[in-house]
Amino acid sequence: MRTIVGSPMISLKKLWRDKRGNVLAIAAAALPLVIGSAGLASDTIQWALWKRQLQRAADSAALAGVYAKVEDNASQTVDSAIDTDLDRNNNIYRPGKTTSLNGIELTNEPTVSFPTNAKWTNGVHVQIALQKRLGFSSLFMSSPPTITADATAATIATGVYCVVSLVDTSATGIKASGNGTVDLGCGMITNSTSLSAAIATGSSNVDATPIAAVGDVQESDNWGDAELLPFTVKQKDPFKDVNPTTSGCPTTNKINVGPSGSADLNPGCFTDISINGPVNLKPGTYIIDGGNISFGAKAVVSCTACTFVLTNSSSGTTATIGQLTTNAGAQLNLTAPSTGCTLGNAGCYDSILFYQDRRADSSASGKNIINGNSDSVLSGAFYFPKQELQVNGTSTLHFACAQFVSYTVDFSGNGTVQNDCSGYGDKEIMGKHVRLVG
């Protein structure tokens, strides 16, 4: 037998034409590219996650800084508010602090600045940065990359408010109920921290915007097209510097006019005012020393440039402070003074129609009620900082540039409450809302 050995050239040609094992060779050649792509994809996802966490922390810290500025709390500075927010709310740690498995430690302390802009106030800018090693990229990088995030928050004007509820507890501050219409042409705000700080129920129809609260505002069709601004900045008392005068008190004088009587009366100090007939009140300040103001169903009262002050000449903190009650049939044409004096100066009640002493009992039974017939027109501010103000629209109750500043405010009844005003001038109550602006 003879064995024939093939030439090497023939064997190589066969091997070159043989396709078995090509996939393995191609896979081996592409493996570095696949591993690299997977590593870069994993690093990109991890970087985006850290960036998002860092941006959320920067946004939250900037907002906390603005709240610290506007609340003007001596025990908390802007820096301390930002640090607390980063540590507690975002689990972000500053250099030198103990870290946790779930926390992120910043490379440097946050950079804080206070930019200004014509469109907003109380600006706070926060920039934070960290260095984190990426699993795959760190094989080729001499140092971890730096990830940064910055945010700017500020307060922006949200509109003109003519209803201010000063309650700062979990009680509801603003209520609209019944079947009536409340047409204010302005906004409403409450300092209530409740999750139902402002509510509209029944078949009430409220035409007012915005509706704001330190707590939450319950959504309702009753609000119409109003802009709802929950969790906003606490509104300051616009009349906090106004203190009651008791000139001419104490006294035993009373105003008591029945249905069959009529009178022209001068301002002064009185222990009680009860009117149930036609009365013309001369301009000035009517001080009620420990008593009440009552307008009966047959009251027909007019007064231009008048202020009614519910106070007590006693200096005690528990002194009795009276209340306001008006009957639905009363015809009231009352206008507050417009003297241009500076609120806070003695005897200045510019734009204030009714003023109640801050020593008034703040219990649930403390209630001031405004009714009136369709011929009534009331112009000025209604200030009841420690008690509820209830406005009942039993018919069409007219107001002109009215401002309702009270502990709580309740619009009820089945009629219409109409407030007409072309502008409040320098007595405008502007609201502010904290927002991210950059």
Foldseek 3Di string as FASTA:
>chain_A
DDDDDDDPVVVVVVVVPDPPPVVVVVCVVCVVVVVVVVLVVQLVVVLVVVLVLQQVLQFQLQLQLLLCVVVVDPVDHSLNSSQCCCVPVSQEAEPPDDHDPPHHYFPHRWDWDADDDPFFHSKIKTKTKHFDDRDPCNVPDPGGDIHMYMFMKTKGWFWFAQAEAEAQEQDAFEEEEAQEEEAAAEAHEYNHQHLCNYEYDDNYAYHYAAYEYCHHHDDDCSPPPHHYHYNFHRFDDLQPLAADDQPQDDDDAEAAAAQVGEEEDEAHEYCEYAFQHHYEYEADEHEHALEEHEYELNYEYEYEQYAYEFYHPDPDLQGHTYAAEYDQNHAYHYFHHQDPDDRNPPRDPHQHHYHTHPSYDLDQPFEHEDHYYPNHEAGGEHAAARYEYEYEAQEEHHYEPYHYYYNHYYYYYNYYDYYDYPDDPPSTRIGIGMDIDD
